[in-house]
Amino acid sequence: MLSSRSCGRLGLATVAMLVVGLAIAVHPVSASTAPQAKKQPKTRWYYLADRPWVESNFPYIRTGPGQTNGKTYTHSVIHGNWAFHDTGFVQYDLKRRCHEFRYATGISDDSSSESKAQFEIYGDRRRLSKFKLEFGQTRSQALKVKNALRLKLATANAGDTVAPDIVWGDARVRCTSL
């Protein structure tokens, strides 16, 4: 034990170093006692073409290769709309486990060259994106969908022709699991 008298001779800085040294000797810091950074769960990409949809009002939905603007996307979701200006949609369950949605979308190359369509993407009821495309145009985008329970892809005919087929090319979500 150090007396106040010996502290005077050693100096306060030396005493402080001794106390810190004793504390470290008694409670050494190791990998098991050091504060651990929270590990992020591993994520992976899931193609919507490989996932079941939970709700839709489209007359048909098919998956597989789809072509828009001259490019083929192997893992596509392709759908048709009911009529001229009705809005169609398809929804997928993300289970609040996904973080990002990526896609390349456009009007199918099989559609009329006069075709136009309106696109809207929702994470739950919050609109994430809204845009129009004409035949021969493609839009690629990455959107944040963190904590969304449902992903909704909605389209409507924006032209004066029969509703075109829509290609959601390589549409995928990055999730911890699904």
C-alpha atoms as a PDB file:
ATOM      1  CA  MET A   1       0.000   0.000   0.000  1.00  0.00           C
ATOM      2  CA  LEU A   2       1.307   3.421  -0.855  1.00  0.00           C
ATOM      3  CA  SER A   3       1.254   6.061   1.837  1.00  0.00           C
ATOM      4  CA  SER A   4       0.669   9.733   1.153  1.00  0.00           C
ATOM      5  CA  ARG A   5       4.315  10.299   1.977  1.00  0.00           C
ATOM      6  CA  SER A   6       5.573   7.799  -0.619  1.00  0.00           C
ATOM      7  CA  CYS A   7       3.178   9.336  -3.148  1.00  0.00           C
ATOM      8  CA  GLY A   8       4.890  12.667  -2.654  1.00  0.00           C
ATOM      9  CA  ARG A   9       8.280  11.158  -3.532  1.00  0.00           C
ATOM     10  CA  LEU A  10       7.078   9.114  -6.475  1.00  0.00           C
ATOM     11  CA  GLY A  11       4.975  11.832  -7.966  1.00  0.00           C
ATOM     12  CA  LEU A  12       1.312  11.705  -8.826  1.00  0.00           C
ATOM     13  CA  ALA A  13       1.938  10.655 -12.460  1.00  0.00           C
ATOM     14  CA  THR A  14       3.907   7.604 -11.323  1.00  0.00           C
ATOM     15  CA  VAL A  15       1.194   6.650  -8.856  1.00  0.00           C
ATOM     16  CA  ALA A  16      -1.457   7.013 -11.557  1.00  0.00           C
ATOM     17  CA  MET A  17       0.543   4.703 -13.858  1.00  0.00           C
ATOM     18  CA  LEU A  18       0.868   2.156 -11.051  1.00  0.00           C
ATOM     19  CA  VAL A  19      -2.886   2.226 -10.381  1.00  0.00           C
ATOM     20  CA  VAL A  20      -3.703   1.818 -14.099  1.00  0.00           C
ATOM     21  CA  GLY A  21      -1.176  -1.003 -14.351  1.00  0.00           C
ATOM     22  CA  LEU A  22      -2.773  -2.782 -11.394  1.00  0.00           C
ATOM     23  CA  ALA A  23      -6.224  -2.376 -12.916  1.00  0.00           C
ATOM     24  CA  ILE A  24      -5.037  -3.888 -16.175  1.00  0.00           C
ATOM     25  CA  ALA A  25      -3.317  -6.745 -14.382  1.00  0.00           C
ATOM     26  CA  VAL A  26      -6.491  -7.499 -12.427  1.00  0.00           C
ATOM     27  CA  HIS A  27      -8.868  -7.013 -15.430  1.00  0.00           C
ATOM     28  CA  PRO A  28      -6.901  -7.718 -18.595  1.00  0.00           C
ATOM     29  CA  VAL A  29      -8.629  -6.826 -21.873  1.00  0.00           C
ATOM     30  CA  SER A  30      -8.949  -9.771 -24.194  1.00  0.00           C
ATOM     31  CA  ALA A  31     -10.995 -10.607 -27.263  1.00  0.00           C
ATOM     32  CA  SER A  32     -13.686 -12.060 -25.001  1.00  0.00           C
ATOM     33  CA  THR A  33     -13.894  -9.029 -22.659  1.00  0.00           C
ATOM     34  CA  ALA A  34     -13.413  -6.242 -25.214  1.00  0.00           C
ATOM     35  CA  PRO A  35     -16.597  -4.607 -26.516  1.00  0.00           C
ATOM     36  CA  GLN A  36     -17.672  -6.454 -29.656  1.00  0.00           C
ATOM     37  CA  ALA A  37     -18.895  -4.697 -32.773  1.00  0.00           C
ATOM     38  CA  LYS A  38     -22.340  -5.936 -33.737  1.00  0.00           C
ATOM     39  CA  LYS A  39     -21.979  -8.304 -36.681  1.00  0.00           C
ATOM     40  CA  GLN A  40     -24.141  -7.494 -39.673  1.00  0.00           C
ATOM     41  CA  PRO A  41     -26.203 -10.432 -40.902  1.00  0.00           C
ATOM     42  CA  LYS A  42     -25.151 -11.802 -44.258  1.00  0.00           C
ATOM     43  CA  THR A  43     -27.310 -10.782 -47.192  1.00  0.00           C
ATOM     44  CA  ARG A  44     -27.867 -12.209 -50.632  1.00  0.00           C
ATOM     45  CA  TRP A  45     -29.803 -11.377 -53.794  1.00  0.00           C
ATOM     46  CA  TYR A  46     -33.159 -13.015 -54.517  1.00  0.00           C
ATOM     47  CA  TYR A  47     -34.721 -12.727 -57.997  1.00  0.00           C
ATOM     48  CA  LEU A  48     -38.425 -11.892 -57.921  1.00  0.00           C
ATOM     49  CA  ALA A  49     -38.838 -14.375 -60.792  1.00  0.00           C
ATOM     50  CA  ASP A  50     -37.943 -17.130 -58.292  1.00  0.00           C
ATOM     51  CA  ARG A  51     -40.244 -15.845 -55.535  1.00  0.00           C
ATOM     52  CA  PRO A  52     -44.002 -16.339 -55.218  1.00  0.00           C
ATOM     53  CA  TRP A  53     -46.095 -13.203 -55.472  1.00  0.00           C
ATOM     54  CA  VAL A  54     -48.745 -12.685 -52.782  1.00  0.00           C
ATOM     55  CA  GLU A  55     -51.271 -10.467 -54.573  1.00  0.00           C
ATOM     56  CA  SER A  56     -51.922  -9.330 -58.131  1.00  0.00           C
ATOM     57  CA  ASN A  57     -54.662  -8.118 -60.441  1.00  0.00           C
ATOM     58  CA  PHE A  58     -52.804  -8.810 -63.711  1.00  0.00           C
ATOM     59  CA  PRO A  59     -54.470 -11.171 -66.192  1.00  0.00           C
ATOM     60  CA  TYR A  60     -51.213 -13.134 -66.329  1.00  0.00           C
ATOM     61  CA  ILE A  61     -47.705 -13.131 -64.903  1.00  0.00           C
ATOM     62  CA  ARG A  62     -44.900 -15.239 -66.280  1.00  0.00           C
ATOM     63  CA  THR A  63     -41.230 -15.502 -65.386  1.00  0.00           C
ATOM     64  CA  GLY A  64     -38.101 -16.259 -67.364  1.00  0.00           C
ATOM     65  CA  PRO A  65     -36.248 -14.442 -70.123  1.00  0.00           C
ATOM     66  CA  GLY A  66     -37.768 -11.103 -71.100  1.00  0.00           C
ATOM     67  CA  GLN A  67     -36.643  -8.641 -73.739  1.00  0.00           C
ATOM     68  CA  THR A  68     -36.916  -4.857 -73.632  1.00  0.00           C
ATOM     69  CA  ASN A  69     -35.051  -2.296 -75.725  1.00  0.00           C
ATOM     70  CA  GLY A  70     -33.167  -5.085 -77.513  1.00  0.00           C
ATOM     71  CA  LYS A  71     -31.665  -6.597 -74.362  1.00  0.00           C
ATOM     72  CA  THR A  72     -32.626  -9.946 -72.848  1.00  0.00           C
ATOM     73  CA  TYR A  73     -32.888 -10.256 -69.070  1.00  0.00           C
ATOM     74  CA  THR A  74     -32.769 -13.892 -67.965  1.00  0.00           C
ATOM     75  CA  HIS A  75     -34.585 -13.561 -64.607  1.00  0.00           C
ATOM     76  CA  SER A  76     -37.570 -11.427 -65.576  1.00  0.00           C
ATOM     77  CA  VAL A  77     -41.097 -10.966 -64.339  1.00  0.00           C
ATOM     78  CA  ILE A  78     -43.325 -10.267 -67.365  1.00  0.00           C
ATOM     79  CA  HIS A  79     -46.967  -9.239 -67.115  1.00  0.00           C
ATOM     80  CA  GLY A  80     -49.786  -7.804 -69.148  1.00  0.00           C
ATOM     81  CA  ASN A  81     -52.309  -5.164 -68.119  1.00  0.00           C
ATOM     82  CA  TRP A  82     -56.077  -5.579 -68.325  1.00  0.00           C
ATOM     83  CA  ALA A  83     -57.113  -2.737 -70.585  1.00  0.00           C
ATOM     84  CA  PHE A  84     -56.251   0.675 -71.865  1.00  0.00           C
ATOM     85  CA  HIS A  85     -55.686   2.771 -68.729  1.00  0.00           C
ATOM     86  CA  ASP A  86     -56.349   0.410 -65.843  1.00  0.00           C
ATOM     87  CA  THR A  87     -53.555   0.101 -63.297  1.00  0.00           C
ATOM     88  CA  GLY A  88     -52.253  -3.375 -62.688  1.00  0.00           C
ATOM     89  CA  PHE A  89     -50.027  -4.480 -59.831  1.00  0.00           C
ATOM     90  CA  VAL A  90     -48.167  -7.387 -58.314  1.00  0.00           C
ATOM     91  CA  GLN A  91     -46.936  -7.569 -54.711  1.00  0.00           C
ATOM     92  CA  TYR A  92     -44.149  -9.565 -53.096  1.00  0.00           C
ATOM     93  CA  ASP A  93     -43.653 -10.304 -49.394  1.00  0.00           C
ATOM     94  CA  LEU A  94     -40.279  -8.958 -48.212  1.00  0.00           C
ATOM     95  CA  LYS A  95     -40.887  -9.988 -44.578  1.00  0.00           C
ATOM     96  CA  ARG A  96     -39.083  -6.808 -43.437  1.00  0.00           C
ATOM     97  CA  ARG A  97     -35.794  -8.573 -44.226  1.00  0.00           C
ATOM     98  CA  CYS A  98     -34.760  -6.772 -47.422  1.00  0.00           C
ATOM     99  CA  HIS A  99     -32.697  -3.656 -47.937  1.00  0.00           C
ATOM    100  CA  GLU A 100     -32.509  -2.937 -51.660  1.00  0.00           C
ATOM    101  CA  PHE A 101     -34.501  -3.521 -54.871  1.00  0.00           C
ATOM    102  CA  ARG A 102     -32.766  -3.442 -58.279  1.00  0.00           C
ATOM    103  CA  TYR A 103     -34.305  -3.798 -61.704  1.00  0.00           C
ATOM    104  CA  ALA A 104     -34.212  -2.865 -65.380  1.00  0.00           C
ATOM    105  CA  THR A 105     -37.734  -2.329 -66.680  1.00  0.00           C
ATOM    106  CA  GLY A 106     -39.386  -1.427 -69.929  1.00  0.00           C
ATOM    107  CA  ILE A 107     -42.062  -2.339 -72.418  1.00  0.00           C
ATOM    108  CA  SER A 108     -41.631  -5.758 -73.985  1.00  0.00           C
ATOM    109  CA  ASP A 109     -40.100  -5.765 -77.457  1.00  0.00           C
ATOM    110  CA  ASP A 110     -43.174  -7.824 -78.530  1.00  0.00           C
ATOM    111  CA  SER A 111     -45.475  -4.833 -77.879  1.00  0.00           C
ATOM    112  CA  SER A 112     -46.705  -2.157 -80.282  1.00  0.00           C
ATOM    113  CA  SER A 113     -44.053   0.418 -81.204  1.00  0.00           C
ATOM    114  CA  GLU A 114     -46.567   3.102 -80.113  1.00  0.00           C
ATOM    115  CA  SER A 115     -46.731   1.738 -76.559  1.00  0.00           C
ATOM    116  CA  LYS A 116     -46.261   3.894 -73.476  1.00  0.00           C
ATOM    117  CA  ALA A 117     -46.575   2.921 -69.817  1.00  0.00           C
ATOM    118  CA  GLN A 118     -46.651   4.517 -66.381  1.00  0.00           C
ATOM    119  CA  PHE A 119     -44.637   2.751 -63.636  1.00  0.00           C
ATOM    120  CA  GLU A 120     -44.885   3.069 -59.853  1.00  0.00           C
ATOM    121  CA  ILE A 121     -42.958   1.177 -57.178  1.00  0.00           C
ATOM    122  CA  TYR A 122     -44.051   1.052 -53.539  1.00  0.00           C
ATOM    123  CA  GLY A 123     -42.491  -0.183 -50.305  1.00  0.00           C
ATOM    124  CA  ASP A 124     -45.628  -0.855 -48.279  1.00  0.00           C
ATOM    125  CA  ARG A 125     -47.785   2.201 -49.096  1.00  0.00           C
ATOM    126  CA  ARG A 126     -44.859   4.583 -49.609  1.00  0.00           C
ATOM    127  CA  ARG A 127     -44.134   5.412 -53.257  1.00  0.00           C
ATOM    128  CA  LEU A 128     -40.443   4.872 -53.985  1.00  0.00           C
ATOM    129  CA  SER A 129     -40.428   5.723 -57.689  1.00  0.00           C
ATOM    130  CA  LYS A 130     -42.765   6.933 -60.443  1.00  0.00           C
ATOM    131  CA  PHE A 131     -41.906   7.322 -64.140  1.00  0.00           C
ATOM    132  CA  LYS A 132     -43.146   6.858 -67.726  1.00  0.00           C
ATOM    133  CA  LEU A 133     -41.457   4.925 -70.491  1.00  0.00           C
ATOM    134  CA  GLU A 134     -42.106   4.534 -74.189  1.00  0.00           C
ATOM    135  CA  PHE A 135     -41.428   1.549 -76.404  1.00  0.00           C
ATOM    136  CA  GLY A 136     -37.647   1.156 -76.811  1.00  0.00           C
ATOM    137  CA  GLN A 137     -36.772   2.771 -73.463  1.00  0.00           C
ATOM    138  CA  THR A 138     -35.425   1.029 -70.374  1.00  0.00           C
ATOM    139  CA  ARG A 139     -34.949   2.277 -66.842  1.00  0.00           C
ATOM    140  CA  SER A 140     -32.516   0.679 -64.400  1.00  0.00           C
ATOM    141  CA  GLN A 141     -32.584   1.688 -60.775  1.00  0.00           C
ATOM    142  CA  ALA A 142     -31.617   0.647 -57.250  1.00  0.00           C
ATOM    143  CA  LEU A 143     -34.093   1.575 -54.500  1.00  0.00           C
ATOM    144  CA  LYS A 144     -33.881   1.274 -50.724  1.00  0.00           C
ATOM    145  CA  VAL A 145     -36.646  -0.948 -49.313  1.00  0.00           C
ATOM    146  CA  LYS A 146     -35.401  -1.340 -45.741  1.00  0.00           C
ATOM    147  CA  ASN A 147     -38.101  -2.544 -43.330  1.00  0.00           C
ATOM    148  CA  ALA A 148     -40.755  -2.843 -46.051  1.00  0.00           C
ATOM    149  CA  LEU A 149     -43.178  -5.705 -45.581  1.00  0.00           C
ATOM    150  CA  ARG A 150     -44.461  -5.616 -49.173  1.00  0.00           C
ATOM    151  CA  LEU A 151     -42.961  -4.546 -52.487  1.00  0.00           C
ATOM    152  CA  LYS A 152     -45.597  -3.429 -55.003  1.00  0.00           C
ATOM    153  CA  LEU A 153     -44.894  -3.025 -58.720  1.00  0.00           C
ATOM    154  CA  ALA A 154     -47.693  -1.126 -60.465  1.00  0.00           C
ATOM    155  CA  THR A 155     -48.089  -0.226 -64.139  1.00  0.00           C
ATOM    156  CA  ALA A 156     -50.686   1.395 -66.338  1.00  0.00           C
ATOM    157  CA  ASN A 157     -50.991   1.988 -70.053  1.00  0.00           C
ATOM    158  CA  ALA A 158     -50.044   5.603 -70.818  1.00  0.00           C
ATOM    159  CA  GLY A 159     -50.696   5.513 -74.568  1.00  0.00           C
ATOM    160  CA  ASP A 160     -53.538   5.060 -77.005  1.00  0.00           C
ATOM    161  CA  THR A 161     -52.733   1.457 -77.902  1.00  0.00           C
ATOM    162  CA  VAL A 162     -53.648  -1.848 -76.321  1.00  0.00           C
ATOM    163  CA  ALA A 163     -51.892  -2.211 -72.975  1.00  0.00           C
ATOM    164  CA  PRO A 164     -48.326  -3.449 -73.532  1.00  0.00           C
ATOM    165  CA  ASP A 165     -46.541  -6.308 -71.808  1.00  0.00           C
ATOM    166  CA  ILE A 166     -44.097  -5.089 -69.157  1.00  0.00           C
ATOM    167  CA  VAL A 167     -40.699  -6.624 -68.436  1.00  0.00           C
ATOM    168  CA  TRP A 168     -39.132  -6.262 -64.984  1.00  0.00           C
ATOM    169  CA  GLY A 169     -35.699  -7.470 -66.066  1.00  0.00           C
ATOM    170  CA  ASP A 170     -33.521  -9.193 -63.482  1.00  0.00           C
ATOM    171  CA  ALA A 171     -35.677  -7.655 -60.729  1.00  0.00           C
ATOM    172  CA  ARG A 172     -34.134  -8.666 -57.415  1.00  0.00           C
ATOM    173  CA  VAL A 173     -34.035  -7.820 -53.724  1.00  0.00           C
ATOM    174  CA  ARG A 174     -31.079  -7.967 -51.328  1.00  0.00           C
ATOM    175  CA  CYS A 175     -32.200  -9.601 -48.080  1.00  0.00           C
ATOM    176  CA  THR A 176     -30.939 -11.368 -44.977  1.00  0.00           C
ATOM    177  CA  SER A 177     -33.250 -14.286 -45.816  1.00  0.00           C
ATOM    178  CA  LEU A 178     -36.616 -14.940 -47.438  1.00  0.00           C
END
